Amino acid sequence: MELSPILLFTYNRLFHVQEVINALLQNEYVSESELIVYSDGGKDEKTIYEVGLVRHYLKSVTGFKTVSIKERTNNWGLAKNIIDGVTSVVNQYGRVIVLEDDLVVSPYFLKYMNEALNFYEKKDQVICIHGYVYPVKRVLPETFFIKGADCWGWATWKRGWDLFSSNGEALLKEIEKRGLKKQFDFNYSYPYFRMLKHQIEGKNNSWAVRWYASAFLHHKLTLYPGRSLVNQIGMDGSGTHCSTNEMFDVPLTNSPIVLSNIDIQESKQGRDAFIYYFRYIMFYYKVKARLKRIFKIS
C-alpha cells in the first residue's frame, strides 16, 4: 500500500506536541511513514523560548521512516504556515495527511487515512479524508460523506488541494450569488458564512473555512468515520486560536474503521446528525460555559 507523508504543524506547546507524537507512534505503518514538521517561529521572547523547546524535542523524535523539520525563522501564523506547507508537500508527494499540534489520534488513524487515500484516489468527487467526527448523539454509518472539506486530522491529494482558494472575498461572493448560505451554514445551525465574512474583515485568519468553502463550491465531498480517530486536546486555554471548552471532546475509537463501497454522495443521516449537534448539543455546552462564568462553578 502506498503510504502518505504525515505533515505536522507545531508552534510553542511542547506537551501537546509530545502527546501527538506519542499517539502517532502507536499506529501501524508509522515506521514506514515519513514525518514532515513545519515549526512556526515565535512572536516574542517567551514564545521564541517555547518554540526552541519544541524544536529541541522534535530533533529527538524517532520511530518514523524519516523525520524532517522545517523551522520558520519568523512567525508566519497558522493560516500562512499551513497553506504554504500543505502546498509544498502535496506538490512533491501527490498526497498528504495533515495534523496540527493538538490533535491526538487513535492507533488506527494511519490505517484509515492511508487506506481511504488509496481507495478514493481516482474518485474526483472526493476531496478530503477526515479523521475527526463530532460527538453526535445519533448513530452514524461506519463511513459517510458530507459536502465540503474539514480540518481536524485530514488528508487530500494534489487534485483536491489544487481547488483550494485563499481568496475569502471571492468565495463569499460566490456563495451569495448562488444562494447557498443556508446550505453552507448547515441549515443555519453553524455560522460558517459569518466566519468567512470575519476572515475577509480580518477578525480571524481561518484557512479552514476557506478550505471548506472551496470544496463546497466545487460540490466535493469529505469522507468521515462513524467513530472518531482524532481528539482535539487544544481547547484547554493554551492555544492561540482556541478558548477553553469541552464541546468537541470525543472518545477515540478502539477498533479499526472498515471501508466499503458506499454511494459517493452526501449522507442525509450524517448531515442531519451534524445539524442536530450544531443546533442543540453545541448550544447546550455554550450555555453551560456561560453559566460557569457567571456563577463561577467549578
Protein backbone atom coordinates (compact mmCIF):
# COMPACT_ATOMS: atom_id res chain seq x y z
CA MET A 1 0.00 0.00 0.00
CA GLU A 2 1.27 3.46 -0.88
CA LEU A 3 1.77 5.48 2.29
CA SER A 4 1.27 9.22 2.54
CA PRO A 5 3.70 11.53 4.34
CA ILE A 6 2.44 12.90 7.65
CA LEU A 7 2.59 16.69 7.82
CA LEU A 8 2.58 18.13 11.35
CA PHE A 9 2.31 21.84 12.18
CA THR A 10 3.72 22.97 15.51
CA TYR A 11 4.16 26.18 17.45
CA ASN A 12 5.04 26.58 21.12
CA ARG A 13 3.13 23.90 23.07
CA LEU A 14 5.62 21.19 23.98
CA PHE A 15 3.24 18.99 25.98
CA HIS A 16 0.68 18.90 23.17
CA VAL A 17 3.31 18.06 20.54
CA GLN A 18 4.60 15.21 22.70
CA GLU A 19 1.07 13.83 23.08
CA VAL A 20 0.52 13.92 19.31
CA ILE A 21 3.84 12.20 18.54
CA ASN A 22 3.30 9.54 21.22
CA ALA A 23 -0.15 8.79 19.80
CA LEU A 24 1.18 8.52 16.25
CA LEU A 25 3.88 6.10 17.40
CA GLN A 26 1.17 3.64 18.48
CA ASN A 27 -0.03 3.36 14.88
CA GLU A 28 0.53 0.62 12.35
CA TYR A 29 2.60 1.89 9.38
CA VAL A 30 4.32 4.56 11.48
CA SER A 31 7.78 3.07 10.96
CA GLU A 32 7.20 3.18 7.19
CA SER A 33 5.84 6.75 7.18
CA GLU A 34 7.71 10.00 6.64
CA LEU A 35 7.06 12.73 9.23
CA ILE A 36 7.45 16.31 7.99
CA VAL A 37 7.18 19.04 10.61
CA TYR A 38 6.63 22.72 9.92
CA SER A 39 7.67 24.57 13.08
CA ASP A 40 6.44 28.17 13.18
CA GLY A 41 8.64 30.86 14.69
CA GLY A 42 7.90 32.73 17.91
CA LYS A 43 6.37 36.21 18.19
CA ASP A 44 8.22 37.43 21.27
CA GLU A 45 10.85 36.40 23.79
CA LYS A 46 8.55 33.99 25.63
CA THR A 47 7.23 32.17 22.56
CA ILE A 48 10.67 32.09 20.94
CA TYR A 49 11.93 30.23 24.02
CA GLU A 50 8.94 27.85 23.96
CA VAL A 51 9.39 27.20 20.25
CA GLY A 52 13.01 26.33 20.99
CA LEU A 53 11.90 23.69 23.49
CA VAL A 54 9.56 22.18 20.91
CA ARG A 55 12.30 22.08 18.28
CA HIS A 56 14.77 20.50 20.69
CA TYR A 57 12.23 17.75 21.39
CA LEU A 58 11.40 17.25 17.70
CA LYS A 59 15.08 16.61 16.92
CA SER A 60 14.98 13.67 19.34
CA VAL A 61 11.93 12.00 17.77
CA THR A 62 12.44 8.52 16.32
CA GLY A 63 10.17 5.69 15.19
CA PHE A 64 9.20 7.11 11.81
CA LYS A 65 10.81 6.22 8.50
CA THR A 66 12.28 9.71 8.40
CA VAL A 67 11.75 12.94 10.35
CA SER A 68 12.37 16.29 8.68
CA ILE A 69 11.81 19.65 10.34
CA LYS A 70 11.29 22.97 8.55
CA GLU A 71 11.95 25.75 11.05
CA ARG A 72 10.36 29.09 10.24
CA THR A 73 12.73 31.95 11.08
CA ASN A 74 9.82 34.34 11.74
CA ASN A 75 6.26 33.89 12.94
CA TRP A 76 4.17 33.05 9.90
CA GLY A 77 0.90 32.47 11.72
CA LEU A 78 -1.19 29.32 11.47
CA ALA A 79 -3.01 30.02 8.19
CA LYS A 80 0.01 31.08 6.14
CA ASN A 81 2.12 28.26 7.60
CA ILE A 82 -0.49 25.59 6.79
CA ILE A 83 -1.31 26.86 3.30
CA ASP A 84 2.35 27.04 2.34
CA GLY A 85 3.25 23.73 4.00
CA VAL A 86 0.38 21.72 2.53
CA THR A 87 1.00 23.19 -0.93
CA SER A 88 4.70 22.35 -0.81
CA VAL A 89 4.29 18.78 0.46
CA VAL A 90 1.31 17.81 -1.69
CA ASN A 91 3.04 19.14 -4.80
CA GLN A 92 6.04 16.95 -4.01
CA TYR A 93 4.27 13.76 -2.90
CA GLY A 94 0.86 14.00 -4.59
CA ARG A 95 -0.97 13.35 -1.30
CA VAL A 96 -0.66 14.36 2.34
CA ILE A 97 -2.00 13.58 5.83
CA VAL A 98 -2.25 16.77 7.90
CA LEU A 99 -2.18 17.20 11.67
CA GLU A 100 -1.80 20.17 13.98
CA ASP A 101 -0.02 20.03 17.32
CA ASP A 102 -3.17 19.50 19.40
CA LEU A 103 -4.76 16.56 17.57
CA VAL A 104 -4.26 13.22 19.33
CA VAL A 105 -5.01 10.20 17.16
CA SER A 106 -6.25 6.65 17.58
CA PRO A 107 -3.90 3.71 16.94
CA TYR A 108 -6.00 3.09 13.80
CA PHE A 109 -5.64 6.62 12.38
CA LEU A 110 -2.88 5.96 9.85
CA LYS A 111 -4.50 2.72 8.69
CA TYR A 112 -7.78 4.51 7.94
CA MET A 113 -6.21 7.57 6.35
CA ASN A 114 -3.88 5.65 4.05
CA GLU A 115 -6.47 3.04 3.09
CA ALA A 116 -9.02 5.75 2.29
CA LEU A 117 -6.48 7.79 0.30
CA ASN A 118 -5.82 4.74 -1.84
CA PHE A 119 -9.48 3.68 -2.02
CA TYR A 120 -10.75 7.07 -3.27
CA GLU A 121 -7.69 8.28 -5.15
CA LYS A 122 -9.41 8.07 -8.55
CA LYS A 123 -12.78 9.34 -7.30
CA ASP A 124 -12.77 13.00 -8.24
CA GLN A 125 -15.94 13.70 -6.23
CA VAL A 126 -13.98 13.01 -3.02
CA ILE A 127 -11.69 15.86 -1.99
CA CYS A 128 -10.83 15.07 1.61
CA ILE A 129 -10.49 12.21 4.12
CA HIS A 130 -11.28 13.26 7.68
CA GLY A 131 -10.34 11.57 10.94
CA TYR A 132 -12.42 13.54 13.46
CA VAL A 133 -16.17 13.29 13.83
CA TYR A 134 -18.29 15.36 16.22
CA PRO A 135 -19.59 13.68 19.40
CA VAL A 136 -23.08 13.38 17.97
CA LYS A 137 -25.74 11.55 19.92
CA ARG A 138 -27.12 9.75 16.89
CA VAL A 139 -25.85 6.53 15.34
CA LEU A 140 -23.66 7.15 12.31
CA PRO A 141 -22.70 4.87 9.42
CA GLU A 142 -19.25 3.27 9.53
CA THR A 143 -18.17 5.84 6.92
CA PHE A 144 -20.17 8.57 5.19
CA PHE A 145 -19.79 11.67 3.06
CA ILE A 146 -20.54 15.33 3.79
CA LYS A 147 -20.26 18.13 1.24
CA GLY A 148 -17.23 20.37 1.74
CA ALA A 149 -13.89 19.79 3.46
CA ASP A 150 -12.72 19.66 7.07
CA CYS A 151 -9.61 20.37 9.11
CA TRP A 152 -9.03 18.22 12.24
CA GLY A 153 -6.86 15.31 11.14
CA TRP A 154 -7.38 15.27 7.39
CA ALA A 155 -5.84 14.18 4.14
CA THR A 156 -6.10 15.09 0.49
CA TRP A 157 -4.48 14.65 -2.90
CA LYS A 158 -2.90 17.26 -5.15
CA ARG A 159 -6.03 17.25 -7.33
CA GLY A 160 -8.04 18.21 -4.22
CA TRP A 161 -5.75 20.88 -2.81
CA ASP A 162 -5.45 22.45 -6.27
CA LEU A 163 -9.07 23.57 -5.80
CA PHE A 164 -8.25 25.50 -2.60
CA SER A 165 -8.73 29.25 -2.87
CA SER A 166 -7.27 31.63 -0.31
CA ASN A 167 -9.50 34.45 -1.62
CA GLY A 168 -12.20 34.59 1.03
CA GLU A 169 -13.96 37.52 -0.59
CA ALA A 170 -14.38 35.68 -3.90
CA LEU A 171 -15.63 32.58 -2.08
CA LEU A 172 -18.19 34.59 -0.09
CA LYS A 173 -19.48 36.39 -3.18
CA GLU A 174 -19.93 33.08 -5.00
CA ILE A 175 -21.90 31.58 -2.09
CA GLU A 176 -24.14 34.66 -2.07
CA LYS A 177 -24.50 34.66 -5.87
CA ARG A 178 -25.64 31.03 -5.89
CA GLY A 179 -27.96 31.48 -2.89
CA LEU A 180 -26.15 28.81 -0.89
CA LYS A 181 -25.84 30.48 2.53
CA LYS A 182 -28.41 28.21 4.20
CA GLN A 183 -26.76 25.05 2.89
CA PHE A 184 -23.27 26.38 3.64
CA ASP A 185 -24.37 27.01 7.25
CA PHE A 186 -25.93 23.54 7.64
CA ASN A 187 -29.46 24.94 7.63
CA TYR A 188 -28.30 27.93 9.70
CA SER A 189 -27.13 25.66 12.51
CA TYR A 190 -23.48 26.78 12.38
CA PRO A 191 -22.22 30.25 11.31
CA TYR A 192 -19.69 29.31 8.64
CA PHE A 193 -20.83 32.20 6.44
CA ARG A 194 -20.18 34.67 9.26
CA MET A 195 -16.82 33.02 9.93
CA LEU A 196 -15.85 33.51 6.29
CA LYS A 197 -17.06 37.11 6.41
CA HIS A 198 -14.96 37.71 9.53
CA GLN A 199 -11.92 36.24 7.75
CA ILE A 200 -12.35 38.81 4.99
CA GLU A 201 -12.71 41.57 7.59
CA GLY A 202 -9.53 40.46 9.37
CA LYS A 203 -11.36 39.37 12.53
CA ASN A 204 -9.97 35.86 12.09
CA ASN A 205 -7.42 34.31 9.76
CA SER A 206 -9.08 30.94 9.23
CA TRP A 207 -7.62 28.86 6.43
CA ALA A 208 -10.07 26.08 7.34
CA VAL A 209 -13.27 27.98 6.47
CA ARG A 210 -11.71 28.80 3.07
CA TRP A 211 -10.85 25.12 2.57
CA TYR A 212 -14.45 24.19 3.41
CA ALA A 213 -15.85 26.91 1.12
CA SER A 214 -13.55 25.94 -1.76
CA ALA A 215 -14.63 22.30 -1.61
CA PHE A 216 -18.29 23.22 -1.06
CA LEU A 217 -18.44 25.45 -4.14
CA HIS A 218 -16.88 22.70 -6.27
CA HIS A 219 -19.52 20.22 -4.99
CA LYS A 220 -16.84 17.98 -3.49
CA LEU A 221 -17.24 15.52 -0.63
CA THR A 222 -15.32 14.61 2.51
CA LEU A 223 -15.27 11.08 3.92
CA TYR A 224 -15.91 10.87 7.67
CA PRO A 225 -15.58 7.89 10.01
CA GLY A 226 -18.57 6.89 12.12
CA ARG A 227 -16.28 6.76 15.16
CA SER A 228 -13.63 9.39 15.78
CA LEU A 229 -9.97 8.67 15.14
CA VAL A 230 -8.93 12.12 16.35
CA ASN A 231 -9.47 14.10 19.55
CA GLN A 232 -8.79 17.81 19.91
CA ILE A 233 -6.78 18.46 23.09
CA GLY A 234 -6.04 22.11 22.41
CA MET A 235 -9.27 23.54 23.84
CA ASP A 236 -7.61 23.98 27.23
CA GLY A 237 -6.86 27.68 27.04
CA SER A 238 -3.25 27.13 25.93
CA GLY A 239 -3.72 27.79 22.23
CA THR A 240 -3.56 30.97 20.18
CA HIS A 241 -6.86 30.36 18.38
CA CYS A 242 -8.92 28.22 20.81
CA SER A 243 -10.53 29.03 24.14
CA THR A 244 -11.39 26.55 26.88
CA ASN A 245 -14.38 24.30 26.24
CA GLU A 246 -15.39 20.66 26.14
CA MET A 247 -17.93 20.58 23.36
CA PHE A 248 -15.59 18.88 20.90
CA ASP A 249 -14.24 16.16 23.22
CA VAL A 250 -14.66 12.67 21.81
CA PRO A 251 -13.50 9.19 22.80
CA LEU A 252 -11.07 7.67 20.32
CA THR A 253 -12.28 4.53 18.61
CA ASN A 254 -10.72 1.31 19.92
CA SER A 255 -11.27 -0.62 16.70
CA PRO A 256 -10.45 0.00 13.01
CA ILE A 257 -12.78 1.80 10.64
CA VAL A 258 -13.82 -0.56 7.86
CA LEU A 259 -14.04 0.91 4.38
CA SER A 260 -16.66 -0.35 1.95
CA ASN A 261 -18.21 0.62 -1.38
CA ILE A 262 -20.73 3.19 -0.19
CA ASP A 263 -22.54 5.58 -2.53
CA ILE A 264 -20.41 8.63 -3.26
CA GLN A 265 -23.00 11.21 -2.31
CA GLU A 266 -23.77 13.28 0.76
CA SER A 267 -25.25 11.23 3.59
CA LYS A 268 -28.59 12.61 4.82
CA GLN A 269 -28.11 10.62 8.02
CA GLY A 270 -24.70 12.18 8.58
CA ARG A 271 -25.76 15.71 7.64
CA ASP A 272 -28.84 15.57 9.88
CA ALA A 273 -26.66 14.36 12.77
CA PHE A 274 -24.26 17.27 12.26
CA ILE A 275 -27.13 19.78 12.12
CA TYR A 276 -28.63 18.38 15.32
CA TYR A 277 -25.25 18.57 17.03
CA PHE A 278 -24.59 22.15 15.89
CA ARG A 279 -28.08 23.33 16.79
CA TYR A 280 -28.65 21.65 20.14
CA ILE A 281 -25.57 19.99 21.65
CA MET A 282 -23.19 22.90 21.00
CA PHE A 283 -25.83 25.31 22.26
CA TYR A 284 -26.06 23.29 25.50
CA TYR A 285 -22.29 23.49 26.05
CA LYS A 286 -22.22 27.22 25.30
CA VAL A 287 -24.97 27.88 27.85
CA LYS A 288 -23.21 25.64 30.36
CA ALA A 289 -19.92 27.52 29.89
CA ARG A 290 -21.68 30.87 30.25
CA LEU A 291 -23.34 29.78 33.50
CA LYS A 292 -19.98 28.60 34.83
CA ARG A 293 -18.51 32.03 34.17
CA ILE A 294 -21.45 33.84 35.75
CA PHE A 295 -21.67 31.68 38.86
CA LYS A 296 -18.01 30.60 38.94
CA ILE A 297 -19.00 26.92 39.02
CA SER A 298 -16.00 24.60 39.10
